[in-house]
Amino acid sequence: MYQQGDSLTFSGVPQSNYFVIRYASERSGKIGLFVNGQRSYDIEFDSTGSWVGTYNKVEMRVDIPEGLM
């Protein structure tokens, strides 16, 4: 994701209470996690200093019901 409005959609996901994102980014920021069409969580991330090669991960507890996300 490179600009505001970019997104990634998963469908048919199993129920979960944990979400992990592995990423690389020159900038710190925040992305929204939508569950069944509703913005349910804001996920903040720190800069890794590079777009490639240096990675970090964000882990958080969430409530994701089975089905569409």
PDB file of N, CA and C in Angstrom:
ATOM      1  N   MET A   1       0.846  -1.159   0.000  1.00  0.00           N
ATOM      2  CA  MET A   1       0.000   0.000   0.000  1.00  0.00           C
ATOM      3  C   MET A   1       0.899   1.230   0.000  1.00  0.00           C
ATOM      4  N   TYR A   2       0.637   2.116  -0.949  1.00  0.00           N
ATOM      5  CA  TYR A   2       1.505   3.269  -1.126  1.00  0.00           C
ATOM      6  C   TYR A   2       0.821   4.609  -0.880  1.00  0.00           C
ATOM      7  N   GLN A   3      -0.497   4.651  -0.999  1.00  0.00           N
ATOM      8  CA  GLN A   3      -1.162   5.942  -0.841  1.00  0.00           C
ATOM      9  C   GLN A   3      -2.507   5.771  -0.148  1.00  0.00           C
ATOM     10  N   GLN A   4      -3.016   6.895   0.360  1.00  0.00           N
ATOM     11  CA  GLN A   4      -4.291   6.876   1.050  1.00  0.00           C
ATOM     12  C   GLN A   4      -5.360   6.270   0.150  1.00  0.00           C
ATOM     13  N   GLY A   5      -6.163   5.385   0.705  1.00  0.00           N
ATOM     14  CA  GLY A   5      -7.218   4.739  -0.052  1.00  0.00           C
ATOM     15  C   GLY A   5      -6.853   3.356  -0.569  1.00  0.00           C
ATOM     16  N   ASP A   6      -5.563   3.006  -0.598  1.00  0.00           N
ATOM     17  CA  ASP A   6      -5.160   1.662  -0.992  1.00  0.00           C
ATOM     18  C   ASP A   6      -5.683   0.665   0.037  1.00  0.00           C
ATOM     19  N   SER A   7      -5.969  -0.548  -0.399  1.00  0.00           N
ATOM     20  CA  SER A   7      -6.513  -1.533   0.538  1.00  0.00           C
ATOM     21  C   SER A   7      -6.167  -2.951   0.110  1.00  0.00           C
ATOM     22  N   LEU A   8      -6.402  -3.841   1.036  1.00  0.00           N
ATOM     23  CA  LEU A   8      -6.218  -5.269   0.838  1.00  0.00           C
ATOM     24  C   LEU A   8      -7.402  -5.938   1.516  1.00  0.00           C
ATOM     25  N   THR A   9      -8.066  -6.880   0.831  1.00  0.00           N
ATOM     26  CA  THR A   9      -9.271  -7.511   1.362  1.00  0.00           C
ATOM     27  C   THR A   9      -9.080  -9.016   1.473  1.00  0.00           C
ATOM     28  N   PHE A  10      -9.503  -9.571   2.591  1.00  0.00           N
ATOM     29  CA  PHE A  10      -9.525 -11.013   2.796  1.00  0.00           C
ATOM     30  C   PHE A  10     -10.973 -11.434   2.961  1.00  0.00           C
ATOM     31  N   SER A  11     -11.360 -12.537   2.335  1.00  0.00           N
ATOM     32  CA  SER A  11     -12.721 -13.042   2.513  1.00  0.00           C
ATOM     33  C   SER A  11     -12.660 -14.489   2.976  1.00  0.00           C
ATOM     34  N   GLY A  12     -13.717 -14.919   3.640  1.00  0.00           N
ATOM     35  CA  GLY A  12     -13.798 -16.290   4.115  1.00  0.00           C
ATOM     36  C   GLY A  12     -12.770 -16.625   5.179  1.00  0.00           C
ATOM     37  N   VAL A  13     -12.432 -15.661   6.008  1.00  0.00           N
ATOM     38  CA  VAL A  13     -11.412 -15.896   7.034  1.00  0.00           C
ATOM     39  C   VAL A  13     -12.011 -16.629   8.238  1.00  0.00           C
ATOM     40  N   PRO A  14     -11.199 -17.434   8.933  1.00  0.00           N
ATOM     41  CA  PRO A  14     -11.687 -18.073  10.152  1.00  0.00           C
ATOM     42  C   PRO A  14     -11.758 -17.056  11.289  1.00  0.00           C
ATOM     43  N   GLN A  15     -12.527 -17.372  12.308  1.00  0.00           N
ATOM     44  CA  GLN A  15     -12.625 -16.515  13.492  1.00  0.00           C
ATOM     45  C   GLN A  15     -11.245 -16.344  14.100  1.00  0.00           C
ATOM     46  N   SER A  16     -10.954 -15.149  14.586  1.00  0.00           N
ATOM     47  CA  SER A  16      -9.653 -14.906  15.191  1.00  0.00           C
ATOM     48  C   SER A  16      -9.753 -13.810  16.239  1.00  0.00           C
ATOM     49  N   ASN A  17      -8.806 -13.815  17.156  1.00  0.00           N
ATOM     50  CA  ASN A  17      -8.721 -12.724  18.129  1.00  0.00           C
ATOM     51  C   ASN A  17      -7.317 -12.126  18.138  1.00  0.00           C
ATOM     52  N   TYR A  18      -6.564 -12.353  17.054  1.00  0.00           N
ATOM     53  CA  TYR A  18      -5.191 -11.871  16.983  1.00  0.00           C
ATOM     54  C   TYR A  18      -4.859 -11.526  15.538  1.00  0.00           C
ATOM     55  N   PHE A  19      -4.167 -10.413  15.331  1.00  0.00           N
ATOM     56  CA  PHE A  19      -3.835  -9.960  13.984  1.00  0.00           C
ATOM     57  C   PHE A  19      -2.376  -9.525  13.963  1.00  0.00           C
ATOM     58  N   VAL A  20      -1.614  -9.967  12.957  1.00  0.00           N
ATOM     59  CA  VAL A  20      -0.201  -9.635  12.840  1.00  0.00           C
ATOM     60  C   VAL A  20       0.065  -9.111  11.423  1.00  0.00           C
ATOM     61  N   ILE A  21       0.794  -8.001  11.353  1.00  0.00           N
ATOM     62  CA  ILE A  21       1.215  -7.446  10.066  1.00  0.00           C
ATOM     63  C   ILE A  21       2.732  -7.370  10.067  1.00  0.00           C
ATOM     64  N   ARG A  22       3.370  -7.909   9.037  1.00  0.00           N
ATOM     65  CA  ARG A  22       4.821  -7.766   8.849  1.00  0.00           C
ATOM     66  C   ARG A  22       5.006  -6.763   7.725  1.00  0.00           C
ATOM     67  N   TYR A  23       5.844  -5.771   7.958  1.00  0.00           N
ATOM     68  CA  TYR A  23       5.922  -4.664   7.013  1.00  0.00           C
ATOM     69  C   TYR A  23       7.321  -4.067   6.935  1.00  0.00           C
ATOM     70  N   ALA A  24       7.535  -3.246   5.906  1.00  0.00           N
ATOM     71  CA  ALA A  24       8.698  -2.372   5.765  1.00  0.00           C
ATOM     72  C   ALA A  24       8.158  -1.016   5.325  1.00  0.00           C
ATOM     73  N   SER A  25       8.650   0.060   5.942  1.00  0.00           N
ATOM     74  CA  SER A  25       8.179   1.392   5.593  1.00  0.00           C
ATOM     75  C   SER A  25       9.197   2.450   5.998  1.00  0.00           C
ATOM     76  N   GLU A  26       9.413   3.400   5.105  1.00  0.00           N
ATOM     77  CA  GLU A  26      10.287   4.521   5.441  1.00  0.00           C
ATOM     78  C   GLU A  26       9.613   5.479   6.413  1.00  0.00           C
ATOM     79  N   ARG A  27       8.297   5.414   6.499  1.00  0.00           N
ATOM     80  CA  ARG A  27       7.536   6.344   7.342  1.00  0.00           C
ATOM     81  C   ARG A  27       6.769   5.603   8.434  1.00  0.00           C
ATOM     82  N   SER A  28       6.525   6.299   9.522  1.00  0.00           N
ATOM     83  CA  SER A  28       5.611   5.809  10.550  1.00  0.00           C
ATOM     84  C   SER A  28       4.208   6.220  10.153  1.00  0.00           C
ATOM     85  N   GLY A  29       3.206   5.534  10.680  1.00  0.00           N
ATOM     86  CA  GLY A  29       1.843   5.900  10.322  1.00  0.00           C
ATOM     87  C   GLY A  29       0.814   5.045  11.000  1.00  0.00           C
ATOM     88  N   LYS A  30      -0.367   5.044  10.385  1.00  0.00           N
ATOM     89  CA  LYS A  30      -1.503   4.307  10.931  1.00  0.00           C
ATOM     90  C   LYS A  30      -2.348   3.809   9.768  1.00  0.00           C
ATOM     91  N   ILE A  31      -2.813   2.574   9.872  1.00  0.00           N
ATOM     92  CA  ILE A  31      -3.755   2.045   8.894  1.00  0.00           C
ATOM     93  C   ILE A  31      -4.998   1.567   9.638  1.00  0.00           C
ATOM     94  N   GLY A  32      -6.110   1.566   8.939  1.00  0.00           N
ATOM     95  CA  GLY A  32      -7.363   1.108   9.534  1.00  0.00           C
ATOM     96  C   GLY A  32      -7.611  -0.341   9.191  1.00  0.00           C
ATOM     97  N   LEU A  33      -8.086  -1.098  10.172  1.00  0.00           N
ATOM     98  CA  LEU A  33      -8.516  -2.483   9.944  1.00  0.00           C
ATOM     99  C   LEU A  33     -10.040  -2.488   9.968  1.00  0.00           C
ATOM    100  N   PHE A  34     -10.621  -2.839   8.842  1.00  0.00           N
ATOM    101  CA  PHE A  34     -12.073  -2.903   8.714  1.00  0.00           C
ATOM    102  C   PHE A  34     -12.517  -4.345   8.911  1.00  0.00           C
ATOM    103  N   VAL A  35     -13.535  -4.547   9.710  1.00  0.00           N
ATOM    104  CA  VAL A  35     -14.115  -5.879   9.923  1.00  0.00           C
ATOM    105  C   VAL A  35     -15.566  -5.804   9.461  1.00  0.00           C
ATOM    106  N   ASN A  36     -15.912  -6.617   8.462  1.00  0.00           N
ATOM    107  CA  ASN A  36     -17.248  -6.627   7.872  1.00  0.00           C
ATOM    108  C   ASN A  36     -17.710  -5.237   7.460  1.00  0.00           C
ATOM    109  N   GLY A  37     -16.807  -4.475   6.811  1.00  0.00           N
ATOM    110  CA  GLY A  37     -17.154  -3.169   6.267  1.00  0.00           C
ATOM    111  C   GLY A  37     -17.094  -2.009   7.237  1.00  0.00           C
ATOM    112  N   GLN A  38     -16.803  -2.256   8.490  1.00  0.00           N
ATOM    113  CA  GLN A  38     -16.734  -1.197   9.499  1.00  0.00           C
ATOM    114  C   GLN A  38     -15.300  -1.020   9.972  1.00  0.00           C
ATOM    115  N   ARG A  39     -14.837   0.242  10.044  1.00  0.00           N
ATOM    116  CA  ARG A  39     -13.493   0.491  10.579  1.00  0.00           C
ATOM    117  C   ARG A  39     -13.532   0.176  12.066  1.00  0.00           C
ATOM    118  N   SER A  40     -12.814  -0.895  12.444  1.00  0.00           N
ATOM    119  CA  SER A  40     -12.873  -1.396  13.810  1.00  0.00           C
ATOM    120  C   SER A  40     -11.614  -1.125  14.616  1.00  0.00           C
ATOM    121  N   TYR A  41     -10.468  -0.992  13.942  1.00  0.00           N
ATOM    122  CA  TYR A  41      -9.201  -0.816  14.641  1.00  0.00           C
ATOM    123  C   TYR A  41      -8.300   0.126  13.858  1.00  0.00           C
ATOM    124  N   ASP A  42      -7.514   0.901  14.579  1.00  0.00           N
ATOM    125  CA  ASP A  42      -6.429   1.674  13.991  1.00  0.00           C
ATOM    126  C   ASP A  42      -5.135   0.993  14.395  1.00  0.00           C
ATOM    127  N   ILE A  43      -4.319   0.653  13.412  1.00  0.00           N
ATOM    128  CA  ILE A  43      -3.065  -0.047  13.667  1.00  0.00           C
ATOM    129  C   ILE A  43      -1.917   0.919  13.391  1.00  0.00           C
ATOM    130  N   GLU A  44      -1.209   1.289  14.443  1.00  0.00           N
ATOM    131  CA  GLU A  44      -0.081   2.210  14.307  1.00  0.00           C
ATOM    132  C   GLU A  44       1.198   1.417  14.079  1.00  0.00           C
ATOM    133  N   PHE A  45       2.068   1.966  13.227  1.00  0.00           N
ATOM    134  CA  PHE A  45       3.332   1.298  12.950  1.00  0.00           C
ATOM    135  C   PHE A  45       4.458   2.315  12.901  1.00  0.00           C
ATOM    136  N   ASP A  46       5.658   1.872  13.245  1.00  0.00           N
ATOM    137  CA  ASP A  46       6.852   2.705  13.243  1.00  0.00           C
ATOM    138  C   ASP A  46       7.653   2.472  11.970  1.00  0.00           C
ATOM    139  N   SER A  47       8.411   3.468  11.581  1.00  0.00           N
ATOM    140  CA  SER A  47       9.290   3.355  10.424  1.00  0.00           C
ATOM    141  C   SER A  47      10.335   2.261  10.657  1.00  0.00           C
ATOM    142  N   THR A  48      10.618   1.511   9.591  1.00  0.00           N
ATOM    143  CA  THR A  48      11.723   0.549   9.644  1.00  0.00           C
ATOM    144  C   THR A  48      12.967   1.141   8.992  1.00  0.00           C
ATOM    145  N   GLY A  49      12.822   2.345   8.410  1.00  0.00           N
ATOM    146  CA  GLY A  49      13.949   3.023   7.772  1.00  0.00           C
ATOM    147  C   GLY A  49      14.128   2.706   6.308  1.00  0.00           C
ATOM    148  N   SER A  50      13.324   1.786   5.768  1.00  0.00           N
ATOM    149  CA  SER A  50      13.495   1.385   4.373  1.00  0.00           C
ATOM    150  C   SER A  50      12.206   0.750   3.866  1.00  0.00           C
ATOM    151  N   TRP A  51      11.991   0.810   2.546  1.00  0.00           N
ATOM    152  CA  TRP A  51      10.816   0.155   1.949  1.00  0.00           C
ATOM    153  C   TRP A  51      11.058  -1.342   1.740  1.00  0.00           C
ATOM    154  N   VAL A  52      12.318  -1.779   1.721  1.00  0.00           N
ATOM    155  CA  VAL A  52      12.645  -3.193   1.540  1.00  0.00           C
ATOM    156  C   VAL A  52      13.833  -3.569   2.411  1.00  0.00           C
ATOM    157  N   GLY A  53      13.909  -4.843   2.752  1.00  0.00           N
ATOM    158  CA  GLY A  53      15.091  -5.363   3.428  1.00  0.00           C
ATOM    159  C   GLY A  53      15.094  -5.262   4.933  1.00  0.00           C
ATOM    160  N   THR A  54      14.404  -4.299   5.501  1.00  0.00           N
ATOM    161  CA  THR A  54      14.328  -4.145   6.956  1.00  0.00           C
ATOM    162  C   THR A  54      12.866  -4.225   7.352  1.00  0.00           C
ATOM    163  N   TYR A  55      12.516  -5.241   8.131  1.00  0.00           N
ATOM    164  CA  TYR A  55      11.113  -5.501   8.428  1.00  0.00           C
ATOM    165  C   TYR A  55      10.840  -5.434   9.921  1.00  0.00           C
ATOM    166  N   ASN A  56       9.591  -5.167  10.229  1.00  0.00           N
ATOM    167  CA  ASN A  56       9.107  -5.164  11.603  1.00  0.00           C
ATOM    168  C   ASN A  56       7.719  -5.792  11.578  1.00  0.00           C
ATOM    169  N   LYS A  57       7.141  -6.012  12.739  1.00  0.00           N
ATOM    170  CA  LYS A  57       5.768  -6.505  12.764  1.00  0.00           C
ATOM    171  C   LYS A  57       4.997  -5.830  13.870  1.00  0.00           C
ATOM    172  N   VAL A  58       3.703  -5.720  13.641  1.00  0.00           N
ATOM    173  CA  VAL A  58       2.764  -5.198  14.621  1.00  0.00           C
ATOM    174  C   VAL A  58       1.826  -6.340  14.956  1.00  0.00           C
ATOM    175  N   GLU A  59       1.632  -6.582  16.230  1.00  0.00           N
ATOM    176  CA  GLU A  59       0.721  -7.617  16.692  1.00  0.00           C
ATOM    177  C   GLU A  59      -0.324  -6.968  17.590  1.00  0.00           C
ATOM    178  N   MET A  60      -1.590  -7.356  17.431  1.00  0.00           N
ATOM    179  CA  MET A  60      -2.618  -6.803  18.310  1.00  0.00           C
ATOM    180  C   MET A  60      -3.785  -7.754  18.465  1.00  0.00           C
ATOM    181  N   ARG A  61      -4.455  -7.635  19.584  1.00  0.00           N
ATOM    182  CA  ARG A  61      -5.667  -8.416  19.846  1.00  0.00           C
ATOM    183  C   ARG A  61      -6.829  -7.740  19.136  1.00  0.00           C
ATOM    184  N   VAL A  62      -7.621  -8.555  18.455  1.00  0.00           N
ATOM    185  CA  VAL A  62      -8.777  -8.061  17.690  1.00  0.00           C
ATOM    186  C   VAL A  62      -9.925  -9.041  17.860  1.00  0.00           C
ATOM    187  N   ASP A  63     -11.095  -8.650  17.409  1.00  0.00           N
ATOM    188  CA  ASP A  63     -12.261  -9.532  17.394  1.00  0.00           C
ATOM    189  C   ASP A  63     -12.716  -9.670  15.946  1.00  0.00           C
ATOM    190  N   ILE A  64     -12.329 -10.779  15.310  1.00  0.00           N
ATOM    191  CA  ILE A  64     -12.683 -11.023  13.926  1.00  0.00           C
ATOM    192  C   ILE A  64     -13.588 -12.257  13.872  1.00  0.00           C
ATOM    193  N   PRO A  65     -14.878 -12.050  13.535  1.00  0.00           N
ATOM    194  CA  PRO A  65     -15.773 -13.194  13.423  1.00  0.00           C
ATOM    195  C   PRO A  65     -15.481 -13.988  12.154  1.00  0.00           C
ATOM    196  N   GLU A  66     -15.917 -15.234  12.104  1.00  0.00           N
ATOM    197  CA  GLU A  66     -15.714 -16.055  10.917  1.00  0.00           C
ATOM    198  C   GLU A  66     -16.484 -15.478   9.749  1.00  0.00           C
ATOM    199  N   GLY A  67     -15.903 -15.545   8.560  1.00  0.00           N
ATOM    200  CA  GLY A  67     -16.579 -15.087   7.359  1.00  0.00           C
ATOM    201  C   GLY A  67     -15.847 -13.933   6.706  1.00  0.00           C
ATOM    202  N   LEU A  68     -16.612 -13.006   6.142  1.00  0.00           N
ATOM    203  CA  LEU A  68     -16.022 -11.856   5.451  1.00  0.00           C
ATOM    204  C   LEU A  68     -15.283 -10.963   6.421  1.00  0.00           C
ATOM    205  N   MET A  69     -14.234 -10.346   5.896  1.00  0.00           N
ATOM    206  CA  MET A  69     -13.506  -9.357   6.678  1.00  0.00           C
ATOM    207  C   MET A  69     -13.506  -8.139   5.846  1.00  0.00           C
TER     208      MET A  69
END
